[in-house]
Amino acid sequence: MTAIRTVAAALRGIPRGALSLIYPPACSGCGAATADPGALCPSCWSGLRLIEEPVCQRYGTPFAVDLGIGPLLSPRAIAEPPVFGRCRAVALYDSVARRLAHRLKYEDRLDLAKVMARMMSASGRGLIAEAECLVPVPLHRARLWRRRFNQAALLAQAIAADADRPFVPAALERARATRSQVGLSRAARAENLSGAFRVPPAEAHRIRGRRVLLVDDVTTTGATGNAAARALLRGGAASVDLLTFALVGDTIG
């Protein structure tokens, strides 16, 4: 550990230009050489399925064709309106987006948080402009202890700093541990998360009457966003929108 700290201290004293010769900028997605740190190479950039208008105004799912008839709602939004007001995401959870999310979450690539947060700030600028505070989807303390960090908190903190909005990570907590959502159906995911979140009474004043922007890395079925938004609304939030890096699904139509 002492040797690592010594090397780190020495590297901090080296000018950025010299460091780039030792550690050339690499693609955040695949590790290929790039011109700028934190950038994506042309191959990864072209493989990122960015979400653009028109989208479902509630779930943020993109439509394949612009129908030109004003705000659009997907069949799912009409049949199953979410608890949160609106959801927006940078890209569909495919190939490059999946790789970036996995590298941040499972490979301890914490440097990717700022890269992903910049893209989220651009995609969610409308939600961010109306938000009065940002709250990350929390991990249960046992899972946080094992992972050592909460990727949603890293993303939310970076977005809040860039937008000069309050970052309130303690405003929402996991009231109980839940099993992994991987492989569960939509109904099972919702059941698994029922009652999983709560607003601590001592923190309720931080969100009471405020428009809250909930932040997570990936939206799969919306069950996590719904459960977290329900807890925030019960805790006194005026409204809750959801911003994530990736969205599982495909275009509509």
C-alpha atoms as a PDB file:
ATOM      1  CA  MET A   1       0.000   0.000   0.000  1.00  0.00           C
ATOM      2  CA  THR A   2       2.865   2.384   0.822  1.00  0.00           C
ATOM      3  CA  ALA A   3       4.429   1.723  -2.578  1.00  0.00           C
ATOM      4  CA  ILE A   4       1.109   2.439  -4.341  1.00  0.00           C
ATOM      5  CA  ARG A   5       0.724   5.734  -2.492  1.00  0.00           C
ATOM      6  CA  THR A   6       4.312   6.694  -3.360  1.00  0.00           C
ATOM      7  CA  VAL A   7       3.693   6.040  -7.052  1.00  0.00           C
ATOM      8  CA  ALA A   8       0.383   7.929  -6.951  1.00  0.00           C
ATOM      9  CA  ALA A   9       2.070  10.938  -5.319  1.00  0.00           C
ATOM     10  CA  ALA A  10       4.805  10.880  -7.930  1.00  0.00           C
ATOM     11  CA  LEU A  11       2.280  10.738 -10.779  1.00  0.00           C
ATOM     12  CA  ARG A  12       0.402  13.738  -9.375  1.00  0.00           C
ATOM     13  CA  GLY A  13       3.578  15.758  -9.771  1.00  0.00           C
ATOM     14  CA  ILE A  14       3.967  14.924 -13.463  1.00  0.00           C
ATOM     15  CA  PRO A  15       2.442  17.408 -15.950  1.00  0.00           C
ATOM     16  CA  ARG A  16      -0.688  16.195 -17.765  1.00  0.00           C
ATOM     17  CA  GLY A  17       1.107  16.194 -21.116  1.00  0.00           C
ATOM     18  CA  ALA A  18       3.839  13.926 -19.819  1.00  0.00           C
ATOM     19  CA  LEU A  19       1.285  11.614 -18.208  1.00  0.00           C
ATOM     20  CA  SER A  20      -0.460  11.216 -21.565  1.00  0.00           C
ATOM     21  CA  LEU A  21       2.774   9.824 -22.966  1.00  0.00           C
ATOM     22  CA  ILE A  22       2.914   7.228 -20.191  1.00  0.00           C
ATOM     23  CA  TYR A  23      -0.838   6.496 -20.227  1.00  0.00           C
ATOM     24  CA  PRO A  24      -2.244   7.535 -23.647  1.00  0.00           C
ATOM     25  CA  PRO A  25      -5.967   8.441 -23.727  1.00  0.00           C
ATOM     26  CA  ALA A  26      -8.095   5.356 -24.281  1.00  0.00           C
ATOM     27  CA  CYS A  27     -11.680   4.740 -25.358  1.00  0.00           C
ATOM     28  CA  SER A  28     -14.028   4.443 -22.396  1.00  0.00           C
ATOM     29  CA  GLY A  29     -15.840   1.619 -24.134  1.00  0.00           C
ATOM     30  CA  CYS A  30     -13.143  -0.681 -25.498  1.00  0.00           C
ATOM     31  CA  GLY A  31      -9.768   0.728 -24.472  1.00  0.00           C
ATOM     32  CA  ALA A  32      -8.613   1.647 -27.986  1.00  0.00           C
ATOM     33  CA  ALA A  33      -6.466   4.769 -28.390  1.00  0.00           C
ATOM     34  CA  THR A  34      -8.348   8.067 -28.625  1.00  0.00           C
ATOM     35  CA  ALA A  35      -7.385  11.702 -28.962  1.00  0.00           C
ATOM     36  CA  ASP A  36      -9.003  12.821 -25.716  1.00  0.00           C
ATOM     37  CA  PRO A  37      -9.395  11.217 -22.262  1.00  0.00           C
ATOM     38  CA  GLY A  38     -12.916   9.965 -21.580  1.00  0.00           C
ATOM     39  CA  ALA A  39     -13.878   9.930 -25.254  1.00  0.00           C
ATOM     40  CA  LEU A  40     -15.318   7.045 -27.252  1.00  0.00           C
ATOM     41  CA  CYS A  41     -13.560   5.706 -30.327  1.00  0.00           C
ATOM     42  CA  PRO A  42     -15.461   5.943 -33.658  1.00  0.00           C
ATOM     43  CA  SER A  43     -16.432   2.267 -33.483  1.00  0.00           C
ATOM     44  CA  CYS A  44     -17.926   2.520 -29.982  1.00  0.00           C
ATOM     45  CA  TRP A  45     -19.588   5.841 -30.721  1.00  0.00           C
ATOM     46  CA  SER A  46     -21.316   4.422 -33.786  1.00  0.00           C
ATOM     47  CA  GLY A  47     -22.371   1.392 -31.722  1.00  0.00           C
ATOM     48  CA  LEU A  48     -24.047   3.536 -29.050  1.00  0.00           C
ATOM     49  CA  ARG A  49     -27.789   3.551 -29.807  1.00  0.00           C
ATOM     50  CA  LEU A  50     -28.532   7.076 -28.653  1.00  0.00           C
ATOM     51  CA  ILE A  51     -32.136   7.892 -27.788  1.00  0.00           C
ATOM     52  CA  GLU A  52     -33.513  10.875 -29.666  1.00  0.00           C
ATOM     53  CA  GLU A  53     -36.920  12.472 -30.071  1.00  0.00           C
ATOM     54  CA  PRO A  54     -39.631  11.491 -30.577  1.00  0.00           C
ATOM     55  CA  VAL A  55     -39.936   9.507 -27.332  1.00  0.00           C
ATOM     56  CA  CYS A  56     -42.741   8.410 -25.045  1.00  0.00           C
ATOM     57  CA  GLN A  57     -43.211  11.343 -22.708  1.00  0.00           C
ATOM     58  CA  ARG A  58     -43.552   9.074 -19.668  1.00  0.00           C
ATOM     59  CA  TYR A  59     -41.119   6.177 -20.187  1.00  0.00           C
ATOM     60  CA  GLY A  60     -38.680   7.862 -22.581  1.00  0.00           C
ATOM     61  CA  THR A  61     -38.837   4.929 -25.020  1.00  0.00           C
ATOM     62  CA  PRO A  62     -38.022   6.108 -28.566  1.00  0.00           C
ATOM     63  CA  PHE A  63     -40.491   5.894 -31.447  1.00  0.00           C
ATOM     64  CA  ALA A  64     -39.182   4.571 -34.756  1.00  0.00           C
ATOM     65  CA  VAL A  65     -41.141   7.162 -36.728  1.00  0.00           C
ATOM     66  CA  ASP A  66     -41.942  10.795 -35.957  1.00  0.00           C
ATOM     67  CA  LEU A  67     -45.734  10.937 -36.193  1.00  0.00           C
ATOM     68  CA  GLY A  68     -45.702  14.717 -35.860  1.00  0.00           C
ATOM     69  CA  ILE A  69     -48.758  14.874 -33.599  1.00  0.00           C
ATOM     70  CA  GLY A  70     -47.347  16.489 -30.478  1.00  0.00           C
ATOM     71  CA  PRO A  71     -46.435  14.767 -27.174  1.00  0.00           C
ATOM     72  CA  LEU A  72     -46.542  10.993 -27.616  1.00  0.00           C
ATOM     73  CA  LEU A  73     -47.429   8.224 -25.179  1.00  0.00           C
ATOM     74  CA  SER A  74     -46.491   4.600 -25.710  1.00  0.00           C
ATOM     75  CA  PRO A  75     -49.149   1.880 -25.361  1.00  0.00           C
ATOM     76  CA  ARG A  76     -47.432   0.844 -22.128  1.00  0.00           C
ATOM     77  CA  ALA A  77     -47.622   4.371 -20.699  1.00  0.00           C
ATOM     78  CA  ILE A  78     -51.349   4.418 -21.380  1.00  0.00           C
ATOM     79  CA  ALA A  79     -51.972   0.941 -19.956  1.00  0.00           C
ATOM     80  CA  GLU A  80     -49.436   1.096 -17.099  1.00  0.00           C
ATOM     81  CA  PRO A  81     -48.661   4.738 -16.190  1.00  0.00           C
ATOM     82  CA  PRO A  82     -45.474   4.893 -14.098  1.00  0.00           C
ATOM     83  CA  VAL A  83     -45.332   6.381 -10.611  1.00  0.00           C
ATOM     84  CA  PHE A  84     -42.574   8.765 -11.708  1.00  0.00           C
ATOM     85  CA  GLY A  85     -43.528  11.598 -14.021  1.00  0.00           C
ATOM     86  CA  ARG A  86     -41.008  11.229 -16.850  1.00  0.00           C
ATOM     87  CA  CYS A  87     -38.004   9.043 -17.610  1.00  0.00           C
ATOM     88  CA  ARG A  88     -35.132   9.934 -19.922  1.00  0.00           C
ATOM     89  CA  ALA A  89     -31.988   7.972 -20.822  1.00  0.00           C
ATOM     90  CA  VAL A  90     -28.928   8.437 -23.004  1.00  0.00           C
ATOM     91  CA  ALA A  91     -29.040   5.182 -24.972  1.00  0.00           C
ATOM     92  CA  LEU A  92     -30.707   1.837 -25.356  1.00  0.00           C
ATOM     93  CA  TYR A  93     -29.088  -0.865 -23.228  1.00  0.00           C
ATOM     94  CA  ASP A  94     -27.281  -2.488 -26.101  1.00  0.00           C
ATOM     95  CA  SER A  95     -23.667  -3.353 -26.828  1.00  0.00           C
ATOM     96  CA  VAL A  96     -21.658  -0.222 -25.956  1.00  0.00           C
ATOM     97  CA  ALA A  97     -24.092   1.139 -23.358  1.00  0.00           C
ATOM     98  CA  ARG A  98     -24.155  -2.232 -21.605  1.00  0.00           C
ATOM     99  CA  ARG A  99     -20.355  -2.393 -21.642  1.00  0.00           C
ATOM    100  CA  LEU A 100     -19.990   1.078 -20.132  1.00  0.00           C
ATOM    101  CA  ALA A 101     -22.567   0.368 -17.407  1.00  0.00           C
ATOM    102  CA  HIS A 102     -20.949  -2.967 -16.545  1.00  0.00           C
ATOM    103  CA  ARG A 103     -17.427  -1.520 -16.435  1.00  0.00           C
ATOM    104  CA  LEU A 104     -18.564   1.162 -13.993  1.00  0.00           C
ATOM    105  CA  LYS A 105     -20.645  -1.174 -11.847  1.00  0.00           C
ATOM    106  CA  TYR A 106     -18.634  -4.398 -11.797  1.00  0.00           C
ATOM    107  CA  GLU A 107     -15.077  -3.471 -12.844  1.00  0.00           C
ATOM    108  CA  ASP A 108     -14.587  -0.512 -10.492  1.00  0.00           C
ATOM    109  CA  ARG A 109     -14.075   1.888 -13.391  1.00  0.00           C
ATOM    110  CA  LEU A 110     -15.161   4.874 -11.304  1.00  0.00           C
ATOM    111  CA  ASP A 111     -13.623   7.237 -13.872  1.00  0.00           C
ATOM    112  CA  LEU A 112     -16.486   6.320 -16.210  1.00  0.00           C
ATOM    113  CA  ALA A 113     -19.009   7.996 -13.899  1.00  0.00           C
ATOM    114  CA  LYS A 114     -18.035  11.473 -15.115  1.00  0.00           C
ATOM    115  CA  VAL A 115     -18.057  10.359 -18.756  1.00  0.00           C
ATOM    116  CA  MET A 116     -21.536   8.845 -18.431  1.00  0.00           C
ATOM    117  CA  ALA A 117     -22.802  11.747 -16.303  1.00  0.00           C
ATOM    118  CA  ARG A 118     -21.852  14.249 -19.021  1.00  0.00           C
ATOM    119  CA  MET A 119     -23.956  12.341 -21.531  1.00  0.00           C
ATOM    120  CA  MET A 120     -26.812  12.068 -19.037  1.00  0.00           C
ATOM    121  CA  SER A 121     -26.682  15.827 -18.430  1.00  0.00           C
ATOM    122  CA  ALA A 122     -27.170  16.413 -22.159  1.00  0.00           C
ATOM    123  CA  SER A 123     -29.969  13.863 -22.585  1.00  0.00           C
ATOM    124  CA  GLY A 124     -31.774  14.930 -19.413  1.00  0.00           C
ATOM    125  CA  ARG A 125     -31.281  18.689 -19.649  1.00  0.00           C
ATOM    126  CA  GLY A 126     -35.045  19.320 -19.665  1.00  0.00           C
ATOM    127  CA  LEU A 127     -35.559  17.291 -16.474  1.00  0.00           C
ATOM    128  CA  ILE A 128     -32.475  18.782 -14.824  1.00  0.00           C
ATOM    129  CA  ALA A 129     -33.628  22.325 -15.565  1.00  0.00           C
ATOM    130  CA  GLU A 130     -36.843  21.707 -13.616  1.00  0.00           C
ATOM    131  CA  ALA A 131     -35.278  19.671 -10.796  1.00  0.00           C
ATOM    132  CA  GLU A 132     -34.759  21.198  -7.352  1.00  0.00           C
ATOM    133  CA  CYS A 133     -32.573  18.373  -6.046  1.00  0.00           C
ATOM    134  CA  LEU A 134     -31.017  15.113  -7.235  1.00  0.00           C
ATOM    135  CA  VAL A 135     -31.426  11.818  -5.359  1.00  0.00           C
ATOM    136  CA  PRO A 136     -29.648   8.584  -6.353  1.00  0.00           C
ATOM    137  CA  VAL A 137     -31.323   5.184  -6.152  1.00  0.00           C
ATOM    138  CA  PRO A 138     -29.674   3.773  -3.010  1.00  0.00           C
ATOM    139  CA  LEU A 139     -28.089   0.403  -2.356  1.00  0.00           C
ATOM    140  CA  HIS A 140     -28.812  -1.580   0.783  1.00  0.00           C
ATOM    141  CA  ARG A 141     -25.986  -1.091   3.284  1.00  0.00           C
ATOM    142  CA  ALA A 142     -24.927  -4.748   2.974  1.00  0.00           C
ATOM    143  CA  ARG A 143     -24.584  -4.503  -0.793  1.00  0.00           C
ATOM    144  CA  LEU A 144     -22.871  -1.117  -0.506  1.00  0.00           C
ATOM    145  CA  TRP A 145     -20.355  -2.646   1.895  1.00  0.00           C
ATOM    146  CA  ARG A 146     -19.580  -5.428  -0.581  1.00  0.00           C
ATOM    147  CA  ARG A 147     -19.359  -3.164  -3.641  1.00  0.00           C
ATOM    148  CA  ARG A 148     -17.790  -0.211  -1.767  1.00  0.00           C
ATOM    149  CA  PHE A 149     -19.580   2.390  -3.903  1.00  0.00           C
ATOM    150  CA  ASN A 150     -23.006   3.181  -5.341  1.00  0.00           C
ATOM    151  CA  GLN A 151     -22.778   3.832  -9.068  1.00  0.00           C
ATOM    152  CA  ALA A 152     -26.068   5.774  -9.040  1.00  0.00           C
ATOM    153  CA  ALA A 153     -24.669   8.127  -6.380  1.00  0.00           C
ATOM    154  CA  LEU A 154     -21.505   8.735  -8.422  1.00  0.00           C
ATOM    155  CA  LEU A 155     -23.604   9.633 -11.465  1.00  0.00           C
ATOM    156  CA  ALA A 156     -26.024  11.831  -9.530  1.00  0.00           C
ATOM    157  CA  GLN A 157     -23.231  13.686  -7.749  1.00  0.00           C
ATOM    158  CA  ALA A 158     -21.466  14.506 -11.022  1.00  0.00           C
ATOM    159  CA  ILE A 159     -24.696  15.659 -12.697  1.00  0.00           C
ATOM    160  CA  ALA A 160     -25.681  17.779  -9.685  1.00  0.00           C
ATOM    161  CA  ALA A 161     -22.260  19.440  -9.568  1.00  0.00           C
ATOM    162  CA  ASP A 162     -22.395  20.261 -13.271  1.00  0.00           C
ATOM    163  CA  ALA A 163     -25.929  21.695 -13.001  1.00  0.00           C
ATOM    164  CA  ASP A 164     -25.374  23.402  -9.634  1.00  0.00           C
ATOM    165  CA  ARG A 165     -28.265  21.507  -8.048  1.00  0.00           C
ATOM    166  CA  PRO A 166     -28.414  20.066  -4.503  1.00  0.00           C
ATOM    167  CA  PHE A 167     -27.233  16.452  -4.246  1.00  0.00           C
ATOM    168  CA  VAL A 168     -29.093  14.698  -1.426  1.00  0.00           C
ATOM    169  CA  PRO A 169     -27.947  11.055  -1.254  1.00  0.00           C
ATOM    170  CA  ALA A 170     -29.375  10.416   2.214  1.00  0.00           C
ATOM    171  CA  ALA A 171     -32.934  11.452   1.296  1.00  0.00           C
ATOM    172  CA  LEU A 172     -33.792   7.905   0.212  1.00  0.00           C
ATOM    173  CA  GLU A 173     -32.661   4.604   1.694  1.00  0.00           C
ATOM    174  CA  ARG A 174     -33.222   0.893   1.210  1.00  0.00           C
ATOM    175  CA  ALA A 175     -35.433  -0.177   4.072  1.00  0.00           C
ATOM    176  CA  ARG A 176     -34.705  -3.841   3.440  1.00  0.00           C
ATOM    177  CA  ALA A 177     -32.395  -5.966   1.337  1.00  0.00           C
ATOM    178  CA  THR A 178     -33.845  -7.331  -1.895  1.00  0.00           C
ATOM    179  CA  ARG A 179     -32.678 -10.182  -4.076  1.00  0.00           C
ATOM    180  CA  SER A 180     -31.107  -9.448  -7.443  1.00  0.00           C
ATOM    181  CA  GLN A 181     -33.548  -8.288 -10.113  1.00  0.00           C
ATOM    182  CA  VAL A 182     -31.653 -10.149 -12.842  1.00  0.00           C
ATOM    183  CA  GLY A 183     -33.854 -12.766 -14.476  1.00  0.00           C
ATOM    184  CA  LEU A 184     -37.072 -11.675 -12.747  1.00  0.00           C
ATOM    185  CA  SER A 185     -40.247 -10.908 -14.673  1.00  0.00           C
ATOM    186  CA  ARG A 186     -41.767  -7.443 -14.583  1.00  0.00           C
ATOM    187  CA  ALA A 187     -44.321  -8.526 -11.972  1.00  0.00           C
ATOM    188  CA  ALA A 188     -41.673 -10.292  -9.883  1.00  0.00           C
ATOM    189  CA  ARG A 189     -39.438  -7.230  -9.990  1.00  0.00           C
ATOM    190  CA  ALA A 190     -42.251  -5.037  -8.704  1.00  0.00           C
ATOM    191  CA  GLU A 191     -43.060  -7.514  -5.927  1.00  0.00           C
ATOM    192  CA  ASN A 192     -39.390  -7.828  -4.981  1.00  0.00           C
ATOM    193  CA  LEU A 193     -39.132  -4.046  -4.530  1.00  0.00           C
ATOM    194  CA  SER A 194     -42.438  -3.503  -2.740  1.00  0.00           C
ATOM    195  CA  GLY A 195     -41.711  -1.473   0.378  1.00  0.00           C
ATOM    196  CA  ALA A 196     -37.964  -1.591  -0.273  1.00  0.00           C
ATOM    197  CA  PHE A 197     -37.401   2.172  -0.083  1.00  0.00           C
ATOM    198  CA  ARG A 198     -38.211   4.849   2.451  1.00  0.00           C
ATOM    199  CA  VAL A 199     -37.428   8.481   3.192  1.00  0.00           C
ATOM    200  CA  PRO A 200     -35.768   8.728   6.636  1.00  0.00           C
ATOM    201  CA  PRO A 201     -37.821  11.110   8.812  1.00  0.00           C
ATOM    202  CA  ALA A 202     -34.726  13.187   9.587  1.00  0.00           C
ATOM    203  CA  GLU A 203     -34.110  13.713   5.856  1.00  0.00           C
ATOM    204  CA  ALA A 204     -37.685  14.404   4.733  1.00  0.00           C
ATOM    205  CA  HIS A 205     -37.214  18.186   4.880  1.00  0.00           C
ATOM    206  CA  ARG A 206     -34.641  17.937   2.086  1.00  0.00           C
ATOM    207  CA  ILE A 207     -37.225  16.787  -0.463  1.00  0.00           C
ATOM    208  CA  ARG A 208     -40.511  18.075   0.981  1.00  0.00           C
ATOM    209  CA  GLY A 209     -42.346  20.131  -1.635  1.00  0.00           C
ATOM    210  CA  ARG A 210     -39.444  19.821  -4.078  1.00  0.00           C
ATOM    211  CA  ARG A 211     -39.249  18.532  -7.629  1.00  0.00           C
ATOM    212  CA  VAL A 212     -36.905  15.560  -7.311  1.00  0.00           C
ATOM    213  CA  LEU A 213     -34.772  14.062 -10.063  1.00  0.00           C
ATOM    214  CA  LEU A 214     -34.097  10.395  -9.278  1.00  0.00           C
ATOM    215  CA  VAL A 215     -30.880   9.031 -10.830  1.00  0.00           C
ATOM    216  CA  ASP A 216     -29.866   5.449 -11.647  1.00  0.00           C
ATOM    217  CA  ASP A 217     -27.578   3.724 -14.146  1.00  0.00           C
ATOM    218  CA  VAL A 218     -30.083   1.530 -16.008  1.00  0.00           C
ATOM    219  CA  THR A 219     -33.864   1.331 -16.321  1.00  0.00           C
ATOM    220  CA  THR A 220     -35.053  -2.198 -17.060  1.00  0.00           C
ATOM    221  CA  THR A 221     -38.794  -2.529 -16.425  1.00  0.00           C
ATOM    222  CA  GLY A 222     -39.183   0.655 -14.382  1.00  0.00           C
ATOM    223  CA  ALA A 223     -39.908  -1.304 -11.184  1.00  0.00           C
ATOM    224  CA  THR A 224     -37.008   0.260  -9.277  1.00  0.00           C
ATOM    225  CA  GLY A 225     -37.904   3.746 -10.445  1.00  0.00           C
ATOM    226  CA  ASN A 226     -41.550   3.197  -9.501  1.00  0.00           C
ATOM    227  CA  ALA A 227     -40.738   1.884  -6.014  1.00  0.00           C
ATOM    228  CA  ALA A 228     -38.246   4.667  -5.316  1.00  0.00           C
ATOM    229  CA  ALA A 229     -40.545   7.376  -6.713  1.00  0.00           C
ATOM    230  CA  ARG A 230     -43.455   6.089  -4.614  1.00  0.00           C
ATOM    231  CA  ALA A 231     -41.346   6.387  -1.459  1.00  0.00           C
ATOM    232  CA  LEU A 232     -40.195   9.900  -2.365  1.00  0.00           C
ATOM    233  CA  LEU A 233     -43.758  11.060  -3.060  1.00  0.00           C
ATOM    234  CA  ARG A 234     -44.958   9.553   0.216  1.00  0.00           C
ATOM    235  CA  GLY A 235     -42.061  11.349   1.885  1.00  0.00           C
ATOM    236  CA  GLY A 236     -43.323  14.696   0.646  1.00  0.00           C
ATOM    237  CA  ALA A 237     -41.703  15.277  -2.772  1.00  0.00           C
ATOM    238  CA  ALA A 238     -43.801  17.432  -5.087  1.00  0.00           C
ATOM    239  CA  SER A 239     -42.877  15.341  -8.145  1.00  0.00           C
ATOM    240  CA  VAL A 240     -40.313  12.756  -9.226  1.00  0.00           C
ATOM    241  CA  ASP A 241     -38.666  12.337 -12.617  1.00  0.00           C
ATOM    242  CA  LEU A 242     -36.135   9.639 -13.491  1.00  0.00           C
ATOM    243  CA  LEU A 243     -32.842   9.971 -15.364  1.00  0.00           C
ATOM    244  CA  THR A 244     -30.686   6.963 -16.237  1.00  0.00           C
ATOM    245  CA  PHE A 245     -27.780   6.230 -18.538  1.00  0.00           C
ATOM    246  CA  ALA A 246     -29.378   3.318 -20.383  1.00  0.00           C
ATOM    247  CA  LEU A 247     -32.854   2.018 -21.062  1.00  0.00           C
ATOM    248  CA  VAL A 248     -33.647  -1.644 -21.693  1.00  0.00           C
ATOM    249  CA  GLY A 249     -35.973  -2.063 -24.652  1.00  0.00           C
ATOM    250  CA  ASP A 250     -36.261  -1.130 -28.294  1.00  0.00           C
ATOM    251  CA  THR A 251     -37.902   1.480 -30.482  1.00  0.00           C
ATOM    252  CA  ILE A 252     -41.695   1.621 -30.708  1.00  0.00           C
ATOM    253  CA  GLY A 253     -43.285   1.004 -34.087  1.00  0.00           C
END
